[in-house]
Protein backbone atom coordinates (compact mmCIF):
# COMPACT_ATOMS: atom_id res chain seq x y z
CA UNK A 1 24.69 -67.83 -17.59
CA UNK A 2 22.19 -68.19 -14.77
CA UNK A 3 24.14 -66.29 -12.23
CA UNK A 4 24.00 -63.55 -14.93
CA UNK A 5 20.23 -63.89 -15.37
CA UNK A 6 19.86 -63.53 -11.68
CA UNK A 7 21.99 -60.88 -11.17
CA UNK A 8 19.89 -58.93 -14.13
CA UNK A 9 16.66 -59.85 -12.36
CA UNK A 10 17.86 -58.76 -9.10
CA UNK A 11 19.09 -55.41 -10.36
CA UNK A 12 15.80 -54.64 -11.90
CA UNK A 13 14.24 -55.44 -8.85
CA UNK A 14 16.31 -53.07 -6.64
CA UNK A 15 15.97 -50.45 -9.38
CA UNK A 16 12.10 -50.73 -9.18
CA UNK A 17 12.34 -50.44 -5.34
CA UNK A 18 14.50 -47.55 -5.27
CA UNK A 19 12.06 -45.82 -8.00
CA UNK A 20 8.79 -46.82 -5.89
CA UNK A 21 10.64 -45.23 -2.76
CA UNK A 22 11.73 -42.21 -5.04
CA UNK A 23 8.20 -41.88 -6.08
CA UNK A 24 6.84 -41.90 -2.69
CA UNK A 25 9.04 -39.02 -1.26
CA UNK A 26 8.11 -36.99 -4.38
CA UNK A 27 4.41 -37.94 -3.98
CA UNK A 28 3.80 -37.42 -0.37
CA UNK A 29 6.62 -35.31 0.87
CA UNK A 30 4.90 -32.11 -0.05
CA UNK A 31 3.47 -30.76 3.32
CA UNK A 32 1.19 -33.78 3.37
CA UNK A 33 -0.11 -33.10 -0.20
CA UNK A 34 -0.28 -35.74 -2.90
CA UNK A 35 1.88 -34.88 -5.96
CA UNK A 36 0.72 -32.79 -8.50
CA UNK A 37 -2.29 -31.53 -6.51
CA UNK A 38 -1.86 -28.00 -5.12
CA UNK A 39 -2.15 -27.72 -1.34
CA UNK A 40 -4.73 -24.86 -0.15
CA UNK A 41 -6.07 -23.48 3.09
CA UNK A 42 -9.60 -24.24 4.13
CA UNK A 43 -10.27 -20.59 3.32
CA UNK A 44 -9.15 -21.31 -0.25
CA UNK A 45 -11.19 -24.22 -0.52
CA UNK A 46 -14.60 -22.81 0.24
CA UNK A 47 -13.89 -19.88 -2.16
CA UNK A 48 -15.14 -20.88 -5.76
CA UNK A 49 -13.10 -20.01 -8.56
CA UNK A 50 -14.67 -20.08 -12.25
């Protein structure tokens, strides 16, 4: 019983680690831009849009 609970804890920990690595790739592997934030050039940043 003890080994089964350790296996479950180790599996959950490994899944959390894999999820964190996957999130990091999705969030930061967009040409250096953070996930969900649109990348813009310097000219686009200085242009005000209402």
